[in-house]
Amino acid sequence: MTTKTQRAHVEIWLTRTCPFCIAARRLLDTAGIQYEVHDLTEHPNRRAATDAILKGHRTVPLVVIDGEPIGGFTELERLAESDGLARRVF
Protein backbone atom coordinates (compact mmCIF):
# COMPACT_ATOMS: atom_id res chain seq x y z
CA MET A 1 0.00 0.00 0.00
CA THR A 2 1.42 3.37 -1.01
CA THR A 3 0.79 6.47 1.04
CA LYS A 4 0.21 9.72 -0.79
CA THR A 5 1.96 12.78 0.53
CA GLN A 6 -0.27 15.83 0.61
CA ARG A 7 1.52 18.77 -1.03
CA ALA A 8 -1.22 21.38 -0.85
CA HIS A 9 -2.70 23.24 2.12
CA VAL A 10 -6.48 22.90 2.07
CA GLU A 11 -8.89 25.09 4.03
CA ILE A 12 -12.65 25.05 4.28
CA TRP A 13 -14.77 27.96 5.48
CA LEU A 14 -18.12 26.74 6.75
CA THR A 15 -20.97 26.90 9.18
CA ARG A 16 -21.73 23.90 11.37
CA THR A 17 -25.30 23.23 10.24
CA CYS A 18 -24.93 23.82 6.49
CA PRO A 19 -25.71 20.57 4.62
CA PHE A 20 -23.32 21.45 1.77
CA CYS A 21 -20.57 22.12 4.31
CA ILE A 22 -21.14 18.71 5.87
CA ALA A 23 -21.05 17.08 2.42
CA ALA A 24 -17.83 18.92 1.50
CA ARG A 25 -16.12 17.73 4.69
CA ARG A 26 -17.29 14.18 4.02
CA LEU A 27 -15.88 14.33 0.47
CA LEU A 28 -12.51 15.61 1.72
CA ASP A 29 -12.43 12.97 4.46
CA THR A 30 -13.25 10.17 2.01
CA ALA A 31 -10.49 11.39 -0.32
CA GLY A 32 -8.01 11.28 2.57
CA ILE A 33 -7.35 15.00 2.38
CA GLN A 34 -6.30 16.86 5.50
CA TYR A 35 -7.79 20.33 5.82
CA GLU A 36 -8.03 23.29 8.16
CA VAL A 37 -11.55 24.22 9.28
CA HIS A 38 -12.69 27.82 9.73
CA ASP A 39 -16.11 27.74 11.39
CA LEU A 40 -17.90 31.03 10.79
CA THR A 41 -20.67 29.93 13.18
CA GLU A 42 -18.41 30.81 16.09
CA HIS A 43 -17.15 34.14 14.78
CA PRO A 44 -18.33 37.04 17.00
CA ASN A 45 -19.03 39.36 14.05
CA ARG A 46 -20.06 36.77 11.50
CA ARG A 47 -21.39 39.06 8.75
CA ALA A 48 -18.28 41.28 8.68
CA ALA A 49 -16.00 38.25 8.92
CA THR A 50 -17.80 36.52 6.08
CA ASP A 51 -17.48 39.56 3.82
CA ALA A 52 -13.80 40.06 4.63
CA ILE A 53 -12.73 36.43 4.54
CA LEU A 54 -14.79 35.04 1.69
CA LYS A 55 -13.89 37.96 -0.60
CA GLY A 56 -17.03 38.09 -2.68
CA HIS A 57 -18.12 34.49 -2.18
CA ARG A 58 -21.58 34.71 -0.68
CA THR A 59 -22.13 31.12 0.33
CA VAL A 60 -20.45 28.41 2.35
CA PRO A 61 -18.65 26.16 2.13
CA LEU A 62 -15.71 27.86 0.51
CA VAL A 63 -12.83 25.50 -0.22
CA VAL A 64 -9.38 27.03 -0.65
CA ILE A 65 -6.35 25.14 -1.97
CA ASP A 66 -2.98 26.81 -1.43
CA GLY A 67 -4.65 30.20 -1.04
CA GLU A 68 -6.77 29.88 -4.18
CA PRO A 69 -10.55 29.70 -3.70
CA ILE A 70 -11.95 26.84 -5.77
CA GLY A 71 -15.59 27.37 -4.82
CA GLY A 72 -18.21 25.51 -2.87
CA PHE A 73 -19.42 21.93 -2.71
CA THR A 74 -20.50 21.74 -6.36
CA GLU A 75 -17.09 22.85 -7.60
CA LEU A 76 -15.32 20.58 -5.12
CA GLU A 77 -17.40 17.60 -6.24
CA ARG A 78 -16.79 18.37 -9.92
CA LEU A 79 -13.04 18.63 -9.28
CA ALA A 80 -13.05 15.32 -7.37
CA GLU A 81 -14.99 13.52 -10.12
CA SER A 82 -12.49 14.64 -12.77
CA ASP A 83 -9.54 13.56 -10.58
CA GLY A 84 -8.44 17.19 -10.53
CA LEU A 85 -8.70 17.35 -6.75
CA ALA A 86 -6.18 14.56 -6.22
CA ARG A 87 -3.81 16.11 -8.78
CA ARG A 88 -3.93 19.49 -7.02
CA VAL A 89 -3.56 18.15 -3.50
CA PHE A 90 -1.22 15.14 -3.75
PDB file of N, CA and C in Angstrom:
ATOM      1  N   MET A   1       0.844  -1.185   0.000  1.00  0.00           N
ATOM      2  CA  MET A   1       0.000   0.000   0.000  1.00  0.00           C
ATOM      3  C   MET A   1       0.884   1.241   0.000  1.00  0.00           C
ATOM      4  N   THR A   2       0.642   2.140  -0.950  1.00  0.00           N
ATOM      5  CA  THR A   2       1.421   3.369  -1.012  1.00  0.00           C
ATOM      6  C   THR A   2       0.651   4.496  -0.337  1.00  0.00           C
ATOM      7  N   THR A   3       1.388   5.328   0.361  1.00  0.00           N
ATOM      8  CA  THR A   3       0.795   6.467   1.035  1.00  0.00           C
ATOM      9  C   THR A   3       1.081   7.713   0.221  1.00  0.00           C
ATOM     10  N   LYS A   4       0.038   8.473  -0.054  1.00  0.00           N
ATOM     11  CA  LYS A   4       0.206   9.718  -0.794  1.00  0.00           C
ATOM     12  C   LYS A   4       0.617  10.813   0.172  1.00  0.00           C
ATOM     13  N   THR A   5       1.550  11.633  -0.265  1.00  0.00           N
ATOM     14  CA  THR A   5       1.959  12.781   0.532  1.00  0.00           C
ATOM     15  C   THR A   5       1.179  13.994   0.049  1.00  0.00           C
ATOM     16  N   GLN A   6       0.508  14.645   0.972  1.00  0.00           N
ATOM     17  CA  GLN A   6      -0.266  15.826   0.611  1.00  0.00           C
ATOM     18  C   GLN A   6       0.677  17.005   0.446  1.00  0.00           C
ATOM     19  N   ARG A   7       0.655  17.621  -0.732  1.00  0.00           N
ATOM     20  CA  ARG A   7       1.516  18.767  -1.027  1.00  0.00           C
ATOM     21  C   ARG A   7       0.821  20.099  -0.772  1.00  0.00           C
ATOM     22  N   ALA A   8      -0.480  20.125  -0.906  1.00  0.00           N
ATOM     23  CA  ALA A   8      -1.222  21.384  -0.845  1.00  0.00           C
ATOM     24  C   ALA A   8      -1.871  21.588   0.522  1.00  0.00           C
ATOM     25  N   HIS A   9      -1.983  22.863   0.900  1.00  0.00           N
ATOM     26  CA  HIS A   9      -2.701  23.236   2.124  1.00  0.00           C
ATOM     27  C   HIS A   9      -4.157  23.489   1.737  1.00  0.00           C
ATOM     28  N   VAL A  10      -5.063  22.792   2.386  1.00  0.00           N
ATOM     29  CA  VAL A  10      -6.485  22.904   2.071  1.00  0.00           C
ATOM     30  C   VAL A  10      -7.213  23.494   3.275  1.00  0.00           C
ATOM     31  N   GLU A  11      -8.077  24.464   2.992  1.00  0.00           N
ATOM     32  CA  GLU A  11      -8.892  25.094   4.027  1.00  0.00           C
ATOM     33  C   GLU A  11     -10.350  25.023   3.599  1.00  0.00           C
ATOM     34  N   ILE A  12     -11.230  24.981   4.574  1.00  0.00           N
ATOM     35  CA  ILE A  12     -12.655  25.048   4.284  1.00  0.00           C
ATOM     36  C   ILE A  12     -13.302  26.024   5.262  1.00  0.00           C
ATOM     37  N   TRP A  13     -14.015  26.985   4.701  1.00  0.00           N
ATOM     38  CA  TRP A  13     -14.772  27.961   5.481  1.00  0.00           C
ATOM     39  C   TRP A  13     -16.207  27.471   5.481  1.00  0.00           C
ATOM     40  N   LEU A  14     -16.812  27.373   6.666  1.00  0.00           N
ATOM     41  CA  LEU A  14     -18.123  26.739   6.754  1.00  0.00           C
ATOM     42  C   LEU A  14     -18.916  27.235   7.941  1.00  0.00           C
ATOM     43  N   THR A  15     -20.152  26.796   7.982  1.00  0.00           N
ATOM     44  CA  THR A  15     -20.965  26.896   9.184  1.00  0.00           C
ATOM     45  C   THR A  15     -21.357  25.472   9.565  1.00  0.00           C
ATOM     46  N   ARG A  16     -21.543  25.249  10.833  1.00  0.00           N
ATOM     47  CA  ARG A  16     -21.735  23.903  11.373  1.00  0.00           C
ATOM     48  C   ARG A  16     -22.961  23.170  10.840  1.00  0.00           C
ATOM     49  N   THR A  17     -24.049  23.891  10.595  1.00  0.00           N
ATOM     50  CA  THR A  17     -25.302  23.231  10.237  1.00  0.00           C
ATOM     51  C   THR A  17     -25.593  23.202   8.741  1.00  0.00           C
ATOM     52  N   CYS A  18     -24.735  23.766   7.943  1.00  0.00           N
ATOM     53  CA  CYS A  18     -24.935  23.821   6.492  1.00  0.00           C
ATOM     54  C   CYS A  18     -24.774  22.423   5.878  1.00  0.00           C
ATOM     55  N   PRO A  19     -25.805  21.908   5.192  1.00  0.00           N
ATOM     56  CA  PRO A  19     -25.706  20.568   4.616  1.00  0.00           C
ATOM     57  C   PRO A  19     -24.613  20.444   3.553  1.00  0.00           C
ATOM     58  N   PHE A  20     -24.383  21.498   2.781  1.00  0.00           N
ATOM     59  CA  PHE A  20     -23.325  21.446   1.767  1.00  0.00           C
ATOM     60  C   PHE A  20     -21.943  21.455   2.414  1.00  0.00           C
ATOM     61  N   CYS A  21     -21.830  22.122   3.562  1.00  0.00           N
ATOM     62  CA  CYS A  21     -20.565  22.117   4.311  1.00  0.00           C
ATOM     63  C   CYS A  21     -20.265  20.721   4.841  1.00  0.00           C
ATOM     64  N   ILE A  22     -21.288  20.074   5.358  1.00  0.00           N
ATOM     65  CA  ILE A  22     -21.135  18.709   5.867  1.00  0.00           C
ATOM     66  C   ILE A  22     -20.734  17.776   4.728  1.00  0.00           C
ATOM     67  N   ALA A  23     -21.375  17.923   3.578  1.00  0.00           N
ATOM     68  CA  ALA A  23     -21.054  17.083   2.420  1.00  0.00           C
ATOM     69  C   ALA A  23     -19.633  17.337   1.927  1.00  0.00           C
ATOM     70  N   ALA A  24     -19.193  18.593   1.941  1.00  0.00           N
ATOM     71  CA  ALA A  24     -17.830  18.919   1.502  1.00  0.00           C
ATOM     72  C   ALA A  24     -16.801  18.291   2.432  1.00  0.00           C
ATOM     73  N   ARG A  25     -17.041  18.359   3.720  1.00  0.00           N
ATOM     74  CA  ARG A  25     -16.119  17.735   4.686  1.00  0.00           C
ATOM     75  C   ARG A  25     -16.081  16.222   4.480  1.00  0.00           C
ATOM     76  N   ARG A  26     -17.227  15.628   4.244  1.00  0.00           N
ATOM     77  CA  ARG A  26     -17.291  14.182   4.016  1.00  0.00           C
ATOM     78  C   ARG A  26     -16.490  13.811   2.763  1.00  0.00           C
ATOM     79  N   LEU A  27     -16.625  14.599   1.703  1.00  0.00           N
ATOM     80  CA  LEU A  27     -15.882  14.333   0.471  1.00  0.00           C
ATOM     81  C   LEU A  27     -14.374  14.416   0.719  1.00  0.00           C
ATOM     82  N   LEU A  28     -13.936  15.455   1.416  1.00  0.00           N
ATOM     83  CA  LEU A  28     -12.509  15.607   1.721  1.00  0.00           C
ATOM     84  C   LEU A  28     -12.011  14.464   2.599  1.00  0.00           C
ATOM     85  N   ASP A  29     -12.807  14.079   3.583  1.00  0.00           N
ATOM     86  CA  ASP A  29     -12.426  12.969   4.464  1.00  0.00           C
ATOM     87  C   ASP A  29     -12.290  11.666   3.674  1.00  0.00           C
ATOM     88  N   THR A  30     -13.264  11.391   2.814  1.00  0.00           N
ATOM     89  CA  THR A  30     -13.247  10.172   2.009  1.00  0.00           C
ATOM     90  C   THR A  30     -12.044  10.133   1.080  1.00  0.00           C
ATOM     91  N   ALA A  31     -11.646  11.303   0.580  1.00  0.00           N
ATOM     92  CA  ALA A  31     -10.490  11.389  -0.319  1.00  0.00           C
ATOM     93  C   ALA A  31      -9.167  11.335   0.438  1.00  0.00           C
ATOM     94  N   GLY A  32      -9.235  11.331   1.772  1.00  0.00           N
ATOM     95  CA  GLY A  32      -8.013  11.276   2.572  1.00  0.00           C
ATOM     96  C   GLY A  32      -7.247  12.582   2.605  1.00  0.00           C
ATOM     97  N   ILE A  33      -7.970  13.678   2.419  1.00  0.00           N
ATOM     98  CA  ILE A  33      -7.346  14.999   2.376  1.00  0.00           C
ATOM     99  C   ILE A  33      -7.443  15.650   3.756  1.00  0.00           C
ATOM    100  N   GLN A  34      -6.313  16.115   4.252  1.00  0.00           N
ATOM    101  CA  GLN A  34      -6.295  16.863   5.505  1.00  0.00           C
ATOM    102  C   GLN A  34      -6.626  18.318   5.189  1.00  0.00           C
ATOM    103  N   TYR A  35      -7.375  18.949   6.070  1.00  0.00           N
ATOM    104  CA  TYR A  35      -7.787  20.326   5.819  1.00  0.00           C
ATOM    105  C   TYR A  35      -7.946  21.076   7.131  1.00  0.00           C
ATOM    106  N   GLU A  36      -7.849  22.386   7.018  1.00  0.00           N
ATOM    107  CA  GLU A  36      -8.032  23.286   8.157  1.00  0.00           C
ATOM    108  C   GLU A  36      -9.457  23.828   8.101  1.00  0.00           C
ATOM    109  N   VAL A  37     -10.154  23.768   9.217  1.00  0.00           N
ATOM    110  CA  VAL A  37     -11.545  24.218   9.284  1.00  0.00           C
ATOM    111  C   VAL A  37     -11.612  25.618   9.878  1.00  0.00           C
ATOM    112  N   HIS A  38     -12.382  26.485   9.216  1.00  0.00           N
ATOM    113  CA  HIS A  38     -12.688  27.820   9.728  1.00  0.00           C
ATOM    114  C   HIS A  38     -14.205  27.883   9.882  1.00  0.00           C
ATOM    115  N   ASP A  39     -14.675  27.785  11.114  1.00  0.00           N
ATOM    116  CA  ASP A  39     -16.108  27.742  11.391  1.00  0.00           C
ATOM    117  C   ASP A  39     -16.620  29.153  11.634  1.00  0.00           C
ATOM    118  N   LEU A  40     -17.365  29.680  10.675  1.00  0.00           N
ATOM    119  CA  LEU A  40     -17.903  31.034  10.793  1.00  0.00           C
ATOM    120  C   LEU A  40     -19.057  31.105  11.786  1.00  0.00           C
ATOM    121  N   THR A  41     -19.594  29.958  12.185  1.00  0.00           N
ATOM    122  CA  THR A  41     -20.668  29.930  13.176  1.00  0.00           C
ATOM    123  C   THR A  41     -20.208  30.567  14.473  1.00  0.00           C
ATOM    124  N   GLU A  42     -18.942  30.357  14.806  1.00  0.00           N
ATOM    125  CA  GLU A  42     -18.413  30.810  16.089  1.00  0.00           C
ATOM    126  C   GLU A  42     -17.821  32.216  16.052  1.00  0.00           C
ATOM    127  N   HIS A  43     -17.773  32.831  14.883  1.00  0.00           N
ATOM    128  CA  HIS A  43     -17.150  34.144  14.781  1.00  0.00           C
ATOM    129  C   HIS A  43     -18.057  35.198  15.403  1.00  0.00           C
ATOM    130  N   PRO A  44     -17.510  36.061  16.291  1.00  0.00           N
ATOM    131  CA  PRO A  44     -18.333  37.041  17.001  1.00  0.00           C
ATOM    132  C   PRO A  44     -19.031  38.042  16.079  1.00  0.00           C
ATOM    133  N   ASN A  45     -18.416  38.430  14.987  1.00  0.00           N
ATOM    134  CA  ASN A  45     -19.032  39.360  14.046  1.00  0.00           C
ATOM    135  C   ASN A  45     -19.122  38.653  12.700  1.00  0.00           C
ATOM    136  N   ARG A  46     -20.009  37.697  12.632  1.00  0.00           N
ATOM    137  CA  ARG A  46     -20.065  36.772  11.498  1.00  0.00           C
ATOM    138  C   ARG A  46     -20.243  37.457  10.147  1.00  0.00           C
ATOM    139  N   ARG A  47     -21.135  38.414  10.050  1.00  0.00           N
ATOM    140  CA  ARG A  47     -21.392  39.058   8.754  1.00  0.00           C
ATOM    141  C   ARG A  47     -20.143  39.781   8.248  1.00  0.00           C
ATOM    142  N   ALA A  48     -19.500  40.560   9.084  1.00  0.00           N
ATOM    143  CA  ALA A  48     -18.280  41.275   8.678  1.00  0.00           C
ATOM    144  C   ALA A  48     -17.163  40.290   8.361  1.00  0.00           C
ATOM    145  N   ALA A  49     -17.048  39.253   9.158  1.00  0.00           N
ATOM    146  CA  ALA A  49     -16.005  38.247   8.925  1.00  0.00           C
ATOM    147  C   ALA A  49     -16.236  37.545   7.598  1.00  0.00           C
ATOM    148  N   THR A  50     -17.478  37.204   7.327  1.00  0.00           N
ATOM    149  CA  THR A  50     -17.802  36.520   6.078  1.00  0.00           C
ATOM    150  C   THR A  50     -17.434  37.384   4.886  1.00  0.00           C
ATOM    151  N   ASP A  51     -17.797  38.659   4.928  1.00  0.00           N
ATOM    152  CA  ASP A  51     -17.478  39.562   3.823  1.00  0.00           C
ATOM    153  C   ASP A  51     -15.978  39.703   3.634  1.00  0.00           C
ATOM    154  N   ALA A  52     -15.245  39.853   4.715  1.00  0.00           N
ATOM    155  CA  ALA A  52     -13.796  40.058   4.635  1.00  0.00           C
ATOM    156  C   ALA A  52     -13.061  38.793   4.219  1.00  0.00           C
ATOM    157  N   ILE A  53     -13.458  37.670   4.765  1.00  0.00           N
ATOM    158  CA  ILE A  53     -12.732  36.425   4.543  1.00  0.00           C
ATOM    159  C   ILE A  53     -13.091  35.779   3.213  1.00  0.00           C
ATOM    160  N   LEU A  54     -14.364  35.745   2.888  1.00  0.00           N
ATOM    161  CA  LEU A  54     -14.789  35.036   1.689  1.00  0.00           C
ATOM    162  C   LEU A  54     -14.586  35.842   0.415  1.00  0.00           C
ATOM    163  N   LYS A  55     -14.270  37.103   0.539  1.00  0.00           N
ATOM    164  CA  LYS A  55     -13.892  37.962  -0.597  1.00  0.00           C
ATOM    165  C   LYS A  55     -14.826  37.812  -1.806  1.00  0.00           C
ATOM    166  N   GLY A  56     -16.082  38.114  -1.577  1.00  0.00           N
ATOM    167  CA  GLY A  56     -17.026  38.090  -2.681  1.00  0.00           C
ATOM    168  C   GLY A  56     -17.814  36.795  -2.802  1.00  0.00           C
ATOM    169  N   HIS A  57     -17.355  35.735  -2.182  1.00  0.00           N
ATOM    170  CA  HIS A  57     -18.124  34.492  -2.180  1.00  0.00           C
ATOM    171  C   HIS A  57     -19.225  34.661  -1.148  1.00  0.00           C
ATOM    172  N   ARG A  58     -20.441  34.433  -1.549  1.00  0.00           N
ATOM    173  CA  ARG A  58     -21.576  34.713  -0.676  1.00  0.00           C
ATOM    174  C   ARG A  58     -22.127  33.487   0.038  1.00  0.00           C
ATOM    175  N   THR A  59     -21.607  32.325  -0.280  1.00  0.00           N
ATOM    176  CA  THR A  59     -22.135  31.115   0.332  1.00  0.00           C
ATOM    177  C   THR A  59     -21.013  30.278   0.921  1.00  0.00           C
ATOM    178  N   VAL A  60     -21.387  29.391   1.812  1.00  0.00           N
ATOM    179  CA  VAL A  60     -20.454  28.412   2.347  1.00  0.00           C
ATOM    180  C   VAL A  60     -20.944  27.043   1.905  1.00  0.00           C
ATOM    181  N   PRO A  61     -20.059  26.094   1.790  1.00  0.00           N
ATOM    182  CA  PRO A  61     -18.646  26.157   2.130  1.00  0.00           C
ATOM    183  C   PRO A  61     -17.855  26.897   1.059  1.00  0.00           C
ATOM    184  N   LEU A  62     -16.695  27.355   1.454  1.00  0.00           N
ATOM    185  CA  LEU A  62     -15.710  27.856   0.509  1.00  0.00           C
ATOM    186  C   LEU A  62     -14.456  27.023   0.738  1.00  0.00           C
ATOM    187  N   VAL A  63     -14.033  26.326  -0.299  1.00  0.00           N
ATOM    188  CA  VAL A  63     -12.833  25.499  -0.220  1.00  0.00           C
ATOM    189  C   VAL A  63     -11.692  26.258  -0.878  1.00  0.00           C
ATOM    190  N   VAL A  64     -10.556  26.303  -0.180  1.00  0.00           N
ATOM    191  CA  VAL A  64      -9.380  27.028  -0.652  1.00  0.00           C
ATOM    192  C   VAL A  64      -8.207  26.054  -0.684  1.00  0.00           C
ATOM    193  N   ILE A  65      -7.526  25.998  -1.829  1.00  0.00           N
ATOM    194  CA  ILE A  65      -6.350  25.142  -1.968  1.00  0.00           C
ATOM    195  C   ILE A  65      -5.150  26.034  -2.232  1.00  0.00           C
ATOM    196  N   ASP A  66      -4.183  25.981  -1.335  1.00  0.00           N
ATOM    197  CA  ASP A  66      -2.978  26.813  -1.430  1.00  0.00           C
ATOM    198  C   ASP A  66      -3.306  28.276  -1.689  1.00  0.00           C
ATOM    199  N   GLY A  67      -4.291  28.786  -0.949  1.00  0.00           N
ATOM    200  CA  GLY A  67      -4.649  30.196  -1.035  1.00  0.00           C
ATOM    201  C   GLY A  67      -5.570  30.558  -2.181  1.00  0.00           C
ATOM    202  N   GLU A  68      -5.904  29.604  -3.036  1.00  0.00           N
ATOM    203  CA  GLU A  68      -6.771  29.875  -4.184  1.00  0.00           C
ATOM    204  C   GLU A  68      -8.167  29.316  -3.933  1.00  0.00           C
ATOM    205  N   PRO A  69      -9.181  30.192  -3.886  1.00  0.00           N
ATOM    206  CA  PRO A  69     -10.547  29.699  -3.703  1.00  0.00           C
ATOM    207  C   PRO A  69     -10.977  28.869  -4.911  1.00  0.00           C
ATOM    208  N   ILE A  70     -11.473  27.660  -4.656  1.00  0.00           N
ATOM    209  CA  ILE A  70     -11.951  26.842  -5.770  1.00  0.00           C
ATOM    210  C   ILE A  70     -13.466  26.819  -5.843  1.00  0.00           C
ATOM    211  N   GLY A  71     -14.143  27.313  -4.809  1.00  0.00           N
ATOM    212  CA  GLY A  71     -15.595  27.370  -4.819  1.00  0.00           C
ATOM    213  C   GLY A  71     -16.202  26.578  -3.684  1.00  0.00           C
ATOM    214  N   GLY A  72     -17.463  26.223  -3.886  1.00  0.00           N
ATOM    215  CA  GLY A  72     -18.209  25.508  -2.868  1.00  0.00           C
ATOM    216  C   GLY A  72     -18.269  24.016  -3.131  1.00  0.00           C
ATOM    217  N   PHE A  73     -19.314  23.385  -2.601  1.00  0.00           N
ATOM    218  CA  PHE A  73     -19.421  21.934  -2.709  1.00  0.00           C
ATOM    219  C   PHE A  73     -19.524  21.474  -4.155  1.00  0.00           C
ATOM    220  N   THR A  74     -20.320  22.153  -4.963  1.00  0.00           N
ATOM    221  CA  THR A  74     -20.501  21.736  -6.358  1.00  0.00           C
ATOM    222  C   THR A  74     -19.175  21.729  -7.102  1.00  0.00           C
ATOM    223  N   GLU A  75     -18.390  22.776  -6.935  1.00  0.00           N
ATOM    224  CA  GLU A  75     -17.087  22.853  -7.604  1.00  0.00           C
ATOM    225  C   GLU A  75     -16.119  21.809  -7.053  1.00  0.00           C
ATOM    226  N   LEU A  76     -16.168  21.592  -5.746  1.00  0.00           N
ATOM    227  CA  LEU A  76     -15.318  20.576  -5.123  1.00  0.00           C
ATOM    228  C   LEU A  76     -15.668  19.192  -5.658  1.00  0.00           C
ATOM    229  N   GLU A  77     -16.946  18.896  -5.738  1.00  0.00           N
ATOM    230  CA  GLU A  77     -17.400  17.597  -6.239  1.00  0.00           C
ATOM    231  C   GLU A  77     -16.991  17.402  -7.700  1.00  0.00           C
ATOM    232  N   ARG A  78     -17.169  18.438  -8.502  1.00  0.00           N
ATOM    233  CA  ARG A  78     -16.786  18.373  -9.919  1.00  0.00           C
ATOM    234  C   ARG A  78     -15.287  18.119 -10.052  1.00  0.00           C
ATOM    235  N   LEU A  79     -14.497  18.803  -9.249  1.00  0.00           N
ATOM    236  CA  LEU A  79     -13.045  18.634  -9.276  1.00  0.00           C
ATOM    237  C   LEU A  79     -12.665  17.215  -8.852  1.00  0.00           C
ATOM    238  N   ALA A  80     -13.336  16.687  -7.846  1.00  0.00           N
ATOM    239  CA  ALA A  80     -13.050  15.324  -7.375  1.00  0.00           C
ATOM    240  C   ALA A  80     -13.414  14.289  -8.434  1.00  0.00           C
ATOM    241  N   GLU A  81     -14.537  14.475  -9.102  1.00  0.00           N
ATOM    242  CA  GLU A  81     -14.987  13.523 -10.118  1.00  0.00           C
ATOM    243  C   GLU A  81     -14.060  13.483 -11.324  1.00  0.00           C
ATOM    244  N   SER A  82     -13.399  14.589 -11.621  1.00  0.00           N
ATOM    245  CA  SER A  82     -12.489  14.645 -12.772  1.00  0.00           C
ATOM    246  C   SER A  82     -11.061  14.278 -12.383  1.00  0.00           C
ATOM    247  N   ASP A  83     -10.856  13.891 -11.136  1.00  0.00           N
ATOM    248  CA  ASP A  83      -9.542  13.558 -10.576  1.00  0.00           C
ATOM    249  C   ASP A  83      -8.646  14.786 -10.429  1.00  0.00           C
ATOM    250  N   GLY A  84      -9.208  15.966 -10.674  1.00  0.00           N
ATOM    251  CA  GLY A  84      -8.440  17.194 -10.528  1.00  0.00           C
ATOM    252  C   GLY A  84      -8.098  17.517  -9.085  1.00  0.00           C
ATOM    253  N   LEU A  85      -8.951  17.086  -8.167  1.00  0.00           N
ATOM    254  CA  LEU A  85      -8.703  17.348  -6.753  1.00  0.00           C
ATOM    255  C   LEU A  85      -7.450  16.615  -6.294  1.00  0.00           C
ATOM    256  N   ALA A  86      -7.367  15.349  -6.610  1.00  0.00           N
ATOM    257  CA  ALA A  86      -6.183  14.558  -6.222  1.00  0.00           C
ATOM    258  C   ALA A  86      -4.916  15.127  -6.851  1.00  0.00           C
ATOM    259  N   ARG A  87      -5.003  15.545  -8.104  1.00  0.00           N
ATOM    260  CA  ARG A  87      -3.814  16.110  -8.775  1.00  0.00           C
ATOM    261  C   ARG A  87      -3.360  17.407  -8.120  1.00  0.00           C
ATOM    262  N   ARG A  88      -4.303  18.210  -7.645  1.00  0.00           N
ATOM    263  CA  ARG A  88      -3.934  19.490  -7.022  1.00  0.00           C
ATOM    264  C   ARG A  88      -3.420  19.333  -5.605  1.00  0.00           C
ATOM    265  N   VAL A  89      -3.873  18.292  -4.916  1.00  0.00           N
ATOM    266  CA  VAL A  89      -3.557  18.149  -3.497  1.00  0.00           C
ATOM    267  C   VAL A  89      -2.370  17.224  -3.250  1.00  0.00           C
ATOM    268  N   PHE A  90      -2.275  16.136  -4.000  1.00  0.00           N
ATOM    269  CA  PHE A  90      -1.222  15.138  -3.750  1.00  0.00           C
ATOM    270  C   PHE A  90      -0.099  15.240  -4.768  1.00  0.00           C
TER     271      PHE A  90
END
